[in-house]
PDB file of all heavy atoms in Angstrom:
ATOM      1  N   ALA A   1     -56.553  42.940 190.273  1.00  0.00           N
ATOM      2  CA  ALA A   1     -56.253  44.013 191.204  1.00  0.00           C
ATOM      3  C   ALA A   1     -55.487  45.097 190.466  1.00  0.00           C
ATOM      4  O   ALA A   1     -54.760  44.820 189.501  1.00  0.00           O
ATOM      5  CB  ALA A   1     -55.424  43.477 192.367  1.00  0.00           C
ATOM      6  N   ASP A   2     -55.649  46.321 190.925  1.00  0.00           N
ATOM      7  CA  ASP A   2     -54.975  47.437 190.256  1.00  0.00           C
ATOM      8  C   ASP A   2     -53.465  47.247 190.210  1.00  0.00           C
ATOM      9  O   ASP A   2     -52.804  47.683 189.266  1.00  0.00           O
ATOM     10  CB  ASP A   2     -55.311  48.748 190.973  1.00  0.00           C
ATOM     11  CG  ASP A   2     -56.749  49.185 190.749  1.00  0.00           C
ATOM     12  OD1 ASP A   2     -57.385  48.678 189.800  1.00  0.00           O
ATOM     13  OD2 ASP A   2     -57.226  50.032 191.523  1.00  0.00           O
ATOM     14  N   SER A   3     -52.926  46.583 191.226  1.00  0.00           N
ATOM     15  CA  SER A   3     -51.478  46.438 191.326  1.00  0.00           C
ATOM     16  C   SER A   3     -50.892  45.558 190.219  1.00  0.00           C
ATOM     17  O   SER A   3     -49.696  45.641 189.944  1.00  0.00           O
ATOM     18  CB  SER A   3     -51.099  45.867 192.692  1.00  0.00           C
ATOM     19  OG  SER A   3     -51.730  44.618 192.902  1.00  0.00           O
ATOM     20  N   VAL A   4     -51.710  44.727 189.594  1.00  0.00           N
ATOM     21  CA  VAL A   4     -51.183  43.822 188.564  1.00  0.00           C
ATOM     22  C   VAL A   4     -51.859  44.026 187.216  1.00  0.00           C
ATOM     23  O   VAL A   4     -51.449  43.410 186.222  1.00  0.00           O
ATOM     24  CB  VAL A   4     -51.333  42.345 188.988  1.00  0.00           C
ATOM     25  CG1 VAL A   4     -50.680  42.111 190.342  1.00  0.00           C
ATOM     26  CG2 VAL A   4     -52.782  41.904 188.992  1.00  0.00           C
ATOM     27  N   LYS A   5     -52.853  44.861 187.156  1.00  0.00           N
ATOM     28  CA  LYS A   5     -53.602  45.080 185.918  1.00  0.00           C
ATOM     29  C   LYS A   5     -52.667  45.561 184.809  1.00  0.00           C
ATOM     30  O   LYS A   5     -51.839  46.445 185.014  1.00  0.00           O
ATOM     31  CB  LYS A   5     -54.716  46.088 186.169  1.00  0.00           C
ATOM     32  CG  LYS A   5     -55.776  46.158 185.095  1.00  0.00           C
ATOM     33  CD  LYS A   5     -56.906  47.083 185.518  1.00  0.00           C
ATOM     34  CE  LYS A   5     -57.626  46.588 186.744  1.00  0.00           C
ATOM     35  NZ  LYS A   5     -58.763  47.468 187.133  1.00  0.00           N
ATOM     36  N   GLY A   6     -52.807  44.926 183.659  1.00  0.00           N
ATOM     37  CA  GLY A   6     -51.967  45.293 182.529  1.00  0.00           C
ATOM     38  C   GLY A   6     -50.645  44.556 182.466  1.00  0.00           C
ATOM     39  O   GLY A   6     -49.938  44.614 181.462  1.00  0.00           O
ATOM     40  N   ARG A   7     -50.287  43.867 183.537  1.00  0.00           N
ATOM     41  CA  ARG A   7     -49.023  43.119 183.580  1.00  0.00           C
ATOM     42  C   ARG A   7     -49.248  41.621 183.719  1.00  0.00           C
ATOM     43  O   ARG A   7     -48.455  40.837 183.183  1.00  0.00           O
ATOM     44  CB  ARG A   7     -48.176  43.606 184.775  1.00  0.00           C
ATOM     45  CG  ARG A   7     -47.817  45.076 184.719  1.00  0.00           C
ATOM     46  CD  ARG A   7     -46.827  45.454 185.815  1.00  0.00           C
ATOM     47  NE  ARG A   7     -47.361  45.230 187.158  1.00  0.00           N
ATOM     48  CZ  ARG A   7     -46.811  44.405 188.047  1.00  0.00           C
ATOM     49  NH1 ARG A   7     -45.711  43.725 187.746  1.00  0.00           N
ATOM     50  NH2 ARG A   7     -47.357  44.279 189.258  1.00  0.00           N
ATOM     51  N   PHE A   8     -50.267  41.219 184.431  1.00  0.00           N
ATOM     52  CA  PHE A   8     -50.556  39.805 184.670  1.00  0.00           C
ATOM     53  C   PHE A   8     -51.777  39.387 183.868  1.00  0.00           C
ATOM     54  O   PHE A   8     -52.715  40.175 183.673  1.00  0.00           O
ATOM     55  CB  PHE A   8     -50.828  39.551 186.149  1.00  0.00           C
ATOM     56  CG  PHE A   8     -49.638  39.700 187.066  1.00  0.00           C
ATOM     57  CD1 PHE A   8     -48.430  40.220 186.618  1.00  0.00           C
ATOM     58  CD2 PHE A   8     -49.729  39.314 188.389  1.00  0.00           C
ATOM     59  CE1 PHE A   8     -47.341  40.360 187.460  1.00  0.00           C
ATOM     60  CE2 PHE A   8     -48.659  39.446 189.256  1.00  0.00           C
ATOM     61  CZ  PHE A   8     -47.464  39.970 188.786  1.00  0.00           C
ATOM     62  N   THR A   9     -51.782  38.126 183.440  1.00  0.00           N
ATOM     63  CA  THR A   9     -52.922  37.567 182.714  1.00  0.00           C
ATOM     64  C   THR A   9     -53.279  36.208 183.295  1.00  0.00           C
ATOM     65  O   THR A   9     -52.421  35.315 183.358  1.00  0.00           O
ATOM     66  CB  THR A   9     -52.607  37.413 181.219  1.00  0.00           C
ATOM     67  OG1 THR A   9     -52.245  38.690 180.671  1.00  0.00           O
ATOM     68  CG2 THR A   9     -53.817  36.874 180.475  1.00  0.00           C
ATOM     69  N   ILE A  10     -54.520  36.065 183.685  1.00  0.00           N
ATOM     70  CA  ILE A  10     -55.015  34.789 184.204  1.00  0.00           C
ATOM     71  C   ILE A  10     -55.725  34.046 183.080  1.00  0.00           C
ATOM     72  O   ILE A  10     -56.412  34.646 182.247  1.00  0.00           O
ATOM     73  CB  ILE A  10     -55.966  35.015 185.409  1.00  0.00           C
ATOM     74  CG1 ILE A  10     -56.342  33.687 186.059  1.00  0.00           C
ATOM     75  CG2 ILE A  10     -57.193  35.805 185.003  1.00  0.00           C
ATOM     76  CD1 ILE A  10     -57.132  33.854 187.364  1.00  0.00           C
ATOM     77  N   SER A  11     -55.526  32.736 183.037  1.00  0.00           N
ATOM     78  CA  SER A  11     -56.194  31.913 182.037  1.00  0.00           C
ATOM     79  C   SER A  11     -56.358  30.508 182.597  1.00  0.00           C
ATOM     80  O   SER A  11     -55.812  30.187 183.659  1.00  0.00           O
ATOM     81  CB  SER A  11     -55.396  31.871 180.729  1.00  0.00           C
ATOM     82  OG  SER A  11     -54.123  31.293 180.945  1.00  0.00           O
ATOM     83  N   LYS A  12     -57.101  29.690 181.896  1.00  0.00           N
ATOM     84  CA  LYS A  12     -57.320  28.324 182.372  1.00  0.00           C
ATOM     85  C   LYS A  12     -57.562  27.398 181.208  1.00  0.00           C
ATOM     86  O   LYS A  12     -57.944  27.829 180.118  1.00  0.00           O
ATOM     87  CB  LYS A  12     -58.507  28.273 183.332  1.00  0.00           C
ATOM     88  CG  LYS A  12     -59.825  28.688 182.705  1.00  0.00           C
ATOM     89  CD  LYS A  12     -60.972  28.541 183.689  1.00  0.00           C
ATOM     90  CE  LYS A  12     -62.283  28.956 183.029  1.00  0.00           C
ATOM     91  NZ  LYS A  12     -63.457  28.684 183.900  1.00  0.00           N
ATOM     92  N   ASP A  13     -57.321  26.122 181.446  1.00  0.00           N
ATOM     93  CA  ASP A  13     -57.618  25.071 180.478  1.00  0.00           C
ATOM     94  C   ASP A  13     -58.454  24.034 181.211  1.00  0.00           C
ATOM     95  O   ASP A  13     -57.912  23.227 181.977  1.00  0.00           O
ATOM     96  CB  ASP A  13     -56.320  24.471 179.941  1.00  0.00           C
ATOM     97  CG  ASP A  13     -56.562  23.476 178.814  1.00  0.00           C
ATOM     98  OD1 ASP A  13     -57.660  22.865 178.770  1.00  0.00           O
ATOM     99  OD2 ASP A  13     -55.653  23.285 178.005  1.00  0.00           O
ATOM    100  N   ASN A  14     -59.759  24.092 181.003  1.00  0.00           N
ATOM    101  CA  ASN A  14     -60.650  23.177 181.731  1.00  0.00           C
ATOM    102  C   ASN A  14     -60.342  21.710 181.413  1.00  0.00           C
ATOM    103  O   ASN A  14     -60.516  20.843 182.261  1.00  0.00           O
ATOM    104  CB  ASN A  14     -62.107  23.483 181.400  1.00  0.00           C
ATOM    105  CG  ASN A  14     -62.566  24.816 181.941  1.00  0.00           C
ATOM    106  OD1 ASN A  14     -61.923  25.413 182.798  1.00  0.00           O
ATOM    107  ND2 ASN A  14     -63.683  25.310 181.426  1.00  0.00           N
ATOM    108  N   THR A  15     -59.888  21.439 180.209  1.00  0.00           N
ATOM    109  CA  THR A  15     -59.626  20.054 179.824  1.00  0.00           C
ATOM    110  C   THR A  15     -58.419  19.479 180.567  1.00  0.00           C
ATOM    111  O   THR A  15     -58.310  18.257 180.714  1.00  0.00           O
ATOM    112  CB  THR A  15     -59.391  19.937 178.315  1.00  0.00           C
ATOM    113  OG1 THR A  15     -58.211  20.671 177.964  1.00  0.00           O
ATOM    114  CG2 THR A  15     -60.572  20.486 177.538  1.00  0.00           C
ATOM    115  N   LYS A  16     -57.535  20.359 181.010  1.00  0.00           N
ATOM    116  CA  LYS A  16     -56.341  19.917 181.729  1.00  0.00           C
ATOM    117  C   LYS A  16     -56.449  20.177 183.229  1.00  0.00           C
ATOM    118  O   LYS A  16     -55.497  19.919 183.971  1.00  0.00           O
ATOM    119  CB  LYS A  16     -55.104  20.631 181.183  1.00  0.00           C
ATOM    120  CG  LYS A  16     -54.786  20.302 179.734  1.00  0.00           C
ATOM    121  CD  LYS A  16     -53.522  21.020 179.282  1.00  0.00           C
ATOM    122  CE  LYS A  16     -53.184  20.667 177.837  1.00  0.00           C
ATOM    123  NZ  LYS A  16     -51.967  21.381 177.372  1.00  0.00           N
ATOM    124  N   ASN A  17     -57.593  20.704 183.664  1.00  0.00           N
ATOM    125  CA  ASN A  17     -57.770  21.051 185.088  1.00  0.00           C
ATOM    126  C   ASN A  17     -56.617  21.921 185.589  1.00  0.00           C
ATOM    127  O   ASN A  17     -56.090  21.728 186.690  1.00  0.00           O
ATOM    128  CB  ASN A  17     -57.878  19.794 185.955  1.00  0.00           C
ATOM    129  CG  ASN A  17     -59.117  18.978 185.643  1.00  0.00           C
ATOM    130  OD1 ASN A  17     -60.118  19.510 185.176  1.00  0.00           O
ATOM    131  ND2 ASN A  17     -59.046  17.682 185.880  1.00  0.00           N
ATOM    132  N   THR A  18     -56.231  22.882 184.771  1.00  0.00           N
ATOM    133  CA  THR A  18     -55.078  23.725 185.078  1.00  0.00           C
ATOM    134  C   THR A  18     -55.409  25.191 184.825  1.00  0.00           C
ATOM    135  O   THR A  18     -56.087  25.517 183.851  1.00  0.00           O
ATOM    136  CB  THR A  18     -53.854  23.315 184.245  1.00  0.00           C
ATOM    137  OG1 THR A  18     -53.568  21.930 184.465  1.00  0.00           O
ATOM    138  CG2 THR A  18     -52.629  24.137 184.635  1.00  0.00           C
ATOM    139  N   MET A  19     -54.903  26.021 185.710  1.00  0.00           N
ATOM    140  CA  MET A  19     -55.060  27.469 185.577  1.00  0.00           C
ATOM    141  C   MET A  19     -53.669  28.083 185.539  1.00  0.00           C
ATOM    142  O   MET A  19     -52.719  27.517 186.108  1.00  0.00           O
ATOM    143  CB  MET A  19     -55.855  28.019 186.764  1.00  0.00           C
ATOM    144  CG  MET A  19     -56.128  29.497 186.741  1.00  0.00           C
ATOM    145  SD  MET A  19     -57.255  29.991 188.078  1.00  0.00           S
ATOM    146  CE  MET A  19     -56.236  29.728 189.522  1.00  0.00           C
ATOM    147  N   TYR A  20     -53.551  29.229 184.888  1.00  0.00           N
ATOM    148  CA  TYR A  20     -52.247  29.848 184.707  1.00  0.00           C
ATOM    149  C   TYR A  20     -52.277  31.310 185.136  1.00  0.00           C
ATOM    150  O   TYR A  20     -53.323  31.961 185.142  1.00  0.00           O
ATOM    151  CB  TYR A  20     -51.821  29.772 183.240  1.00  0.00           C
ATOM    152  CG  TYR A  20     -51.861  28.385 182.664  1.00  0.00           C
ATOM    153  CD1 TYR A  20     -52.965  27.940 181.931  1.00  0.00           C
ATOM    154  CD2 TYR A  20     -50.808  27.493 182.861  1.00  0.00           C
ATOM    155  CE1 TYR A  20     -53.012  26.660 181.414  1.00  0.00           C
ATOM    156  CE2 TYR A  20     -50.854  26.210 182.346  1.00  0.00           C
ATOM    157  CZ  TYR A  20     -51.956  25.799 181.622  1.00  0.00           C
ATOM    158  OH  TYR A  20     -52.009  24.527 181.112  1.00  0.00           O
ATOM    159  N   LEU A  21     -51.104  31.811 185.437  1.00  0.00           N
ATOM    160  CA  LEU A  21     -50.930  33.245 185.662  1.00  0.00           C
ATOM    161  C   LEU A  21     -49.650  33.660 184.950  1.00  0.00           C
ATOM    162  O   LEU A  21     -48.546  33.301 185.374  1.00  0.00           O
ATOM    163  CB  LEU A  21     -50.836  33.585 187.143  1.00  0.00           C
ATOM    164  CG  LEU A  21     -50.791  35.087 187.448  1.00  0.00           C
ATOM    165  CD1 LEU A  21     -52.129  35.744 187.086  1.00  0.00           C
ATOM    166  CD2 LEU A  21     -50.440  35.346 188.917  1.00  0.00           C
ATOM    167  N   GLN A  22     -49.810  34.361 183.845  1.00  0.00           N
ATOM    168  CA  GLN A  22     -48.665  34.901 183.123  1.00  0.00           C
ATOM    169  C   GLN A  22     -48.320  36.242 183.740  1.00  0.00           C
ATOM    170  O   GLN A  22     -49.157  37.156 183.772  1.00  0.00           O
ATOM    171  CB  GLN A  22     -48.999  35.067 181.639  1.00  0.00           C
ATOM    172  CG  GLN A  22     -47.876  35.670 180.822  1.00  0.00           C
ATOM    173  CD  GLN A  22     -46.665  34.769 180.724  1.00  0.00           C
ATOM    174  OE1 GLN A  22     -46.796  33.569 180.500  1.00  0.00           O
ATOM    175  NE2 GLN A  22     -45.482  35.337 180.895  1.00  0.00           N
ATOM    176  N   MET A  23     -47.111  36.364 184.219  1.00  0.00           N
ATOM    177  CA  MET A  23     -46.683  37.580 184.906  1.00  0.00           C
ATOM    178  C   MET A  23     -45.566  38.233 184.097  1.00  0.00           C
ATOM    179  O   MET A  23     -44.489  37.654 183.933  1.00  0.00           O
ATOM    180  CB  MET A  23     -46.197  37.242 186.315  1.00  0.00           C
ATOM    181  CG  MET A  23     -47.203  36.471 187.151  1.00  0.00           C
ATOM    182  SD  MET A  23     -46.721  36.286 188.871  1.00  0.00           S
ATOM    183  CE  MET A  23     -45.239  35.312 188.676  1.00  0.00           C
ATOM    184  N   ASN A  24     -45.834  39.405 183.586  1.00  0.00           N
ATOM    185  CA  ASN A  24     -44.862  40.167 182.813  1.00  0.00           C
ATOM    186  C   ASN A  24     -44.512  41.455 183.541  1.00  0.00           C
ATOM    187  O   ASN A  24     -45.214  41.867 184.459  1.00  0.00           O
ATOM    188  CB  ASN A  24     -45.424  40.484 181.428  1.00  0.00           C
ATOM    189  CG  ASN A  24     -45.741  39.256 180.615  1.00  0.00           C
ATOM    190  OD1 ASN A  24     -45.087  38.217 180.746  1.00  0.00           O
ATOM    191  ND2 ASN A  24     -46.753  39.348 179.769  1.00  0.00           N
ATOM    192  N   SER A  25     -43.451  42.068 183.107  1.00  0.00           N
ATOM    193  CA  SER A  25     -43.005  43.343 183.701  1.00  0.00           C
ATOM    194  C   SER A  25     -42.971  43.262 185.221  1.00  0.00           C
ATOM    195  O   SER A  25     -43.491  44.129 185.930  1.00  0.00           O
ATOM    196  CB  SER A  25     -43.946  44.475 183.254  1.00  0.00           C
ATOM    197  OG  SER A  25     -43.975  44.579 181.848  1.00  0.00           O
ATOM    198  N   LEU A  26     -42.355  42.219 185.698  1.00  0.00           N
ATOM    199  CA  LEU A  26     -42.319  41.982 187.134  1.00  0.00           C
ATOM    200  C   LEU A  26     -41.597  43.102 187.871  1.00  0.00           C
ATOM    201  O   LEU A  26     -40.640  43.704 187.355  1.00  0.00           O
ATOM    202  CB  LEU A  26     -41.646  40.636 187.431  1.00  0.00           C
ATOM    203  CG  LEU A  26     -42.525  39.406 187.145  1.00  0.00           C
ATOM    204  CD1 LEU A  26     -41.677  38.145 187.086  1.00  0.00           C
ATOM    205  CD2 LEU A  26     -43.619  39.277 188.196  1.00  0.00           C
ATOM    206  N   LYS A  27     -42.082  43.350 189.087  1.00  0.00           N
ATOM    207  CA  LYS A  27     -41.507  44.374 189.953  1.00  0.00           C
ATOM    208  C   LYS A  27     -41.077  43.737 191.271  1.00  0.00           C
ATOM    209  O   LYS A  27     -41.642  42.720 191.669  1.00  0.00           O
ATOM    210  CB  LYS A  27     -42.540  45.465 190.240  1.00  0.00           C
ATOM    211  CG  LYS A  27     -43.124  46.139 189.013  1.00  0.00           C
ATOM    212  CD  LYS A  27     -44.209  47.126 189.410  1.00  0.00           C
ATOM    213  CE  LYS A  27     -44.802  47.811 188.190  1.00  0.00           C
ATOM    214  NZ  LYS A  27     -45.863  48.785 188.575  1.00  0.00           N
ATOM    215  N   PRO A  28     -40.126  44.332 191.955  1.00  0.00           N
ATOM    216  CA  PRO A  28     -39.728  43.772 193.262  1.00  0.00           C
ATOM    217  C   PRO A  28     -40.912  43.622 194.215  1.00  0.00           C
ATOM    218  O   PRO A  28     -40.942  42.681 195.017  1.00  0.00           O
ATOM    219  CB  PRO A  28     -38.720  44.800 193.776  1.00  0.00           C
ATOM    220  CG  PRO A  28     -38.100  45.367 192.538  1.00  0.00           C
ATOM    221  CD  PRO A  28     -39.243  45.436 191.554  1.00  0.00           C
ATOM    222  N   GLU A  29     -41.889  44.493 194.119  1.00  0.00           N
ATOM    223  CA  GLU A  29     -43.056  44.398 195.006  1.00  0.00           C
ATOM    224  C   GLU A  29     -43.987  43.240 194.660  1.00  0.00           C
ATOM    225  O   GLU A  29     -44.945  42.986 195.375  1.00  0.00           O
ATOM    226  CB  GLU A  29     -43.850  45.706 195.019  1.00  0.00           C
ATOM    227  CG  GLU A  29     -44.205  46.255 193.650  1.00  0.00           C
ATOM    228  CD  GLU A  29     -43.212  47.307 193.185  1.00  0.00           C
ATOM    229  OE1 GLU A  29     -41.980  47.104 193.343  1.00  0.00           O
ATOM    230  OE2 GLU A  29     -43.675  48.334 192.623  1.00  0.00           O
ATOM    231  N   ASP A  30     -43.697  42.534 193.581  1.00  0.00           N
ATOM    232  CA  ASP A  30     -44.444  41.309 193.256  1.00  0.00           C
ATOM    233  C   ASP A  30     -43.901  40.113 194.031  1.00  0.00           C
ATOM    234  O   ASP A  30     -44.483  39.026 193.961  1.00  0.00           O
ATOM    235  CB  ASP A  30     -44.366  41.015 191.761  1.00  0.00           C
ATOM    236  CG  ASP A  30     -45.083  42.060 190.928  1.00  0.00           C
ATOM    237  OD1 ASP A  30     -46.165  42.525 191.344  1.00  0.00           O
ATOM    238  OD2 ASP A  30     -44.549  42.412 189.849  1.00  0.00           O
ATOM    239  N   THR A  31     -42.808  40.287 194.733  1.00  0.00           N
ATOM    240  CA  THR A  31     -42.243  39.202 195.534  1.00  0.00           C
ATOM    241  C   THR A  31     -43.259  38.746 196.577  1.00  0.00           C
ATOM    242  O   THR A  31     -43.757  39.549 197.370  1.00  0.00           O
ATOM    243  CB  THR A  31     -40.957  39.672 196.230  1.00  0.00           C
ATOM    244  OG1 THR A  31     -39.963  39.947 195.232  1.00  0.00           O
ATOM    245  CG2 THR A  31     -40.429  38.608 197.181  1.00  0.00           C
TER     246      THR A  31
END
């Protein structure tokens, strides 16, 4: 979404059945 583009990164590890969301440059509106 435009609101998180450039700040958040989604990734996954299929072998661990786990997905991640790295959130950088957090803003109060990310609450």
